[in-house]
Protein backbone atom coordinates (compact mmCIF):
# COMPACT_ATOMS: atom_id res chain seq x y z
CA MET A 1 16.96 8.20 -32.70
CA VAL A 2 20.74 8.35 -32.87
CA LEU A 3 23.31 6.07 -31.27
CA THR A 4 25.84 7.68 -28.96
CA PHE A 5 29.29 7.76 -30.57
CA ASP A 6 32.06 5.94 -28.70
CA PRO A 7 35.48 6.75 -30.21
CA PHE A 8 37.17 3.88 -28.32
CA ARG A 9 34.82 1.11 -29.47
CA GLU A 10 36.81 0.51 -32.67
CA PHE A 11 40.10 0.31 -30.72
CA ASP A 12 38.55 -2.21 -28.33
CA ARG A 13 37.26 -4.28 -31.24
CA LEU A 14 40.66 -4.35 -32.95
CA ALA A 15 42.44 -5.22 -29.70
CA GLY A 16 39.95 -8.02 -29.13
CA GLN A 17 40.62 -9.43 -32.61
CA MET A 18 44.38 -9.34 -32.14
CA LEU A 19 44.35 -10.73 -28.60
CA GLY A 20 41.42 -13.11 -29.02
CA THR A 21 39.43 -11.46 -26.24
CA PRO A 22 36.05 -9.76 -26.26
CA ALA A 23 36.06 -5.99 -26.58
CA VAL A 24 35.04 -5.07 -23.06
CA ALA A 25 37.86 -2.78 -21.93
CA GLY A 26 36.56 0.71 -21.29
CA GLY A 27 32.92 -0.24 -21.73
CA PRO A 28 30.43 -2.90 -22.66
CA ALA A 29 30.90 -5.02 -25.73
CA VAL A 30 28.32 -4.49 -28.44
CA ALA A 31 28.20 -8.27 -28.93
CA ALA A 32 27.12 -8.66 -25.29
CA MET A 33 23.88 -6.74 -25.99
CA PRO A 34 23.16 -6.88 -29.72
CA MET A 35 20.13 -4.85 -30.76
CA ASP A 36 17.82 -4.12 -33.65
CA LEU A 37 16.06 -0.78 -34.02
CA TYR A 38 13.34 0.06 -36.50
CA ARG A 39 10.34 2.33 -37.01
CA SER A 40 6.92 0.78 -37.35
CA GLY A 41 4.13 3.27 -38.01
CA ASP A 42 4.08 5.87 -35.26
CA HIS A 43 6.63 4.29 -32.92
CA PHE A 44 10.20 3.02 -32.79
CA VAL A 45 10.92 -0.53 -31.63
CA LEU A 46 14.20 -1.65 -30.07
CA HIS A 47 14.98 -5.36 -29.51
CA CYS A 48 17.97 -6.34 -27.32
CA ASP A 49 19.12 -9.95 -27.13
CA LEU A 50 19.86 -10.72 -23.50
CA ALA A 51 19.93 -14.51 -23.40
CA GLY A 52 20.93 -16.00 -20.06
CA ILE A 53 20.29 -12.78 -18.17
CA ASP A 54 17.89 -12.62 -15.24
CA PRO A 55 15.09 -10.20 -16.25
CA GLY A 56 15.20 -8.80 -12.71
CA SER A 57 18.71 -7.47 -13.36
CA VAL A 58 17.61 -5.45 -16.41
CA GLN A 59 17.04 -1.70 -16.02
CA VAL A 60 15.66 0.72 -18.60
CA ASP A 61 16.07 4.40 -17.69
CA VAL A 62 15.68 7.75 -19.41
CA ASP A 63 18.05 10.52 -18.33
CA GLY A 64 17.31 13.71 -20.22
CA ARG A 65 17.19 12.55 -23.82
CA VAL A 66 19.33 9.44 -23.27
CA LEU A 67 17.83 5.95 -23.08
CA ILE A 68 19.99 3.72 -20.88
CA ILE A 69 19.67 -0.07 -20.85
CA ARG A 70 21.64 -2.00 -18.21
CA ALA A 71 21.75 -5.74 -17.67
CA GLU A 72 23.89 -8.13 -15.67
CA ARG A 73 24.92 -11.69 -16.41
CA SER A 74 26.40 -13.43 -13.39
CA SER A 75 29.27 -15.85 -13.80
CA ARG A 76 29.13 -19.37 -12.45
CA THR A 77 30.97 -19.71 -9.21
CA ASP A 78 30.88 -23.49 -8.83
CA ALA A 79 34.10 -24.56 -7.09
CA ASP A 80 34.25 -27.93 -8.83
CA VAL A 81 33.99 -26.52 -12.40
CA GLN A 82 36.94 -26.82 -14.75
CA TRP A 83 36.36 -24.54 -17.73
CA VAL A 84 37.15 -25.97 -21.16
CA ARG A 85 35.96 -22.90 -23.07
CA ARG A 86 34.32 -19.74 -21.80
CA GLU A 87 32.91 -17.40 -24.45
CA ARG A 88 29.81 -15.93 -22.84
CA VAL A 89 30.71 -12.55 -21.43
CA THR A 90 29.66 -11.94 -17.82
CA GLY A 91 29.29 -8.76 -15.85
CA THR A 92 27.26 -5.61 -16.32
CA PHE A 93 26.36 -4.43 -19.82
CA GLU A 94 25.08 -1.03 -20.81
CA ARG A 95 23.79 0.60 -23.97
CA ARG A 96 23.11 4.33 -24.26
CA LEU A 97 21.08 5.82 -27.07
CA THR A 98 20.38 9.48 -27.60
CA ILE A 99 16.68 9.99 -28.21
CA GLY A 100 15.88 12.53 -30.88
CA ASP A 101 13.29 15.26 -30.64
CA GLY A 102 9.75 14.33 -31.54
CA LEU A 103 9.53 11.16 -29.43
CA ASP A 104 7.21 10.81 -26.43
CA LEU A 105 9.54 10.02 -23.51
CA ASP A 106 6.64 9.66 -21.05
CA LYS A 107 5.11 6.75 -22.96
CA ILE A 108 8.16 4.50 -23.43
CA ALA A 109 7.24 0.88 -22.66
CA ALA A 110 9.42 -2.20 -22.14
CA THR A 111 8.57 -5.90 -22.27
CA TRP A 112 10.59 -9.12 -21.80
CA GLN A 113 9.99 -12.38 -23.62
CA ASP A 114 12.30 -15.34 -24.23
CA GLY A 115 15.49 -13.44 -23.39
CA VAL A 116 14.63 -10.48 -25.63
CA LEU A 117 13.99 -7.01 -24.21
CA THR A 118 11.64 -4.97 -26.40
CA VAL A 119 11.46 -1.21 -25.85
CA THR A 120 8.73 0.73 -27.67
CA ILE A 121 9.16 4.48 -28.08
CA PRO A 122 6.15 6.31 -29.54
CA VAL A 123 6.40 9.35 -31.77
CA ALA A 124 4.96 12.42 -30.00
CA GLU A 125 1.60 13.66 -31.27
CA ALA A 126 3.14 17.02 -32.17
CA ALA A 127 5.71 15.30 -34.42
CA LYS A 128 3.24 13.10 -36.33
CA PRO A 129 2.36 14.10 -39.87
CA ARG A 130 -1.00 15.79 -40.11
CA ARG A 131 -3.16 17.31 -42.80
CA ILE A 132 -3.77 21.05 -42.63
CA GLU A 133 -7.22 22.26 -43.64
CA ILE A 134 -7.14 25.04 -46.21
CA ASN A 135 -9.61 27.87 -45.70
CA THR A 136 -10.38 29.81 -48.85
CA GLY A 137 -12.12 32.86 -47.42
CA ASN A 138 -14.16 33.08 -50.66
CA HIS A 139 -17.72 34.30 -50.19
CA GLN A 140 -20.38 34.48 -52.82
CA VAL A 141 -23.39 36.76 -52.60
CA ILE A 142 -26.59 34.93 -53.60
CA GLU A 143 -29.97 36.74 -53.47
CA GLY A 144 -28.75 39.31 -50.98
CA THR A 145 -27.16 36.84 -48.49
CA SER A 146 -23.58 35.81 -48.03
CA LYS A 147 -22.87 32.07 -48.26
CA ASP A 148 -19.57 30.21 -48.06
CA LYS A 149 -18.55 28.70 -51.34
CA ALA A 150 -17.81 24.96 -51.00
CA LEU A 151 -14.82 23.62 -52.85
CA THR A 152 -14.69 20.11 -54.23
CA SER A 153 -11.98 18.37 -56.07
């Protein structure tokens, strides 16, 4: 699995550092949807932290070989609120990951627990390591009949 390259992400990050704003111009901020990705046995596991997001607003889609995760955090619209500090980014967030060959796109599963989205992507059966049986083709003639010779190691 390979992450999609975004050439503007670094510019957004630097602008955010200089201006003291989150890097959201031109796309979602990585900090808004931090993720971990690892392989465990015969599947890949992706965890996205989405604290404060309604699970009903989360979408997981596959388009070709691209996994797309979208989520939305609504801002508070209370009229009587006077903000002292506002650091939690609101709006729609999206992550796109290119899925490599050898993964079973039809068996991707997603679960939600305690503000963490977990996406499990199994390795396709055809891509799993397997042992190939070796046939020797050796025959031995014993008392006028042909018998396969068994090999042991």
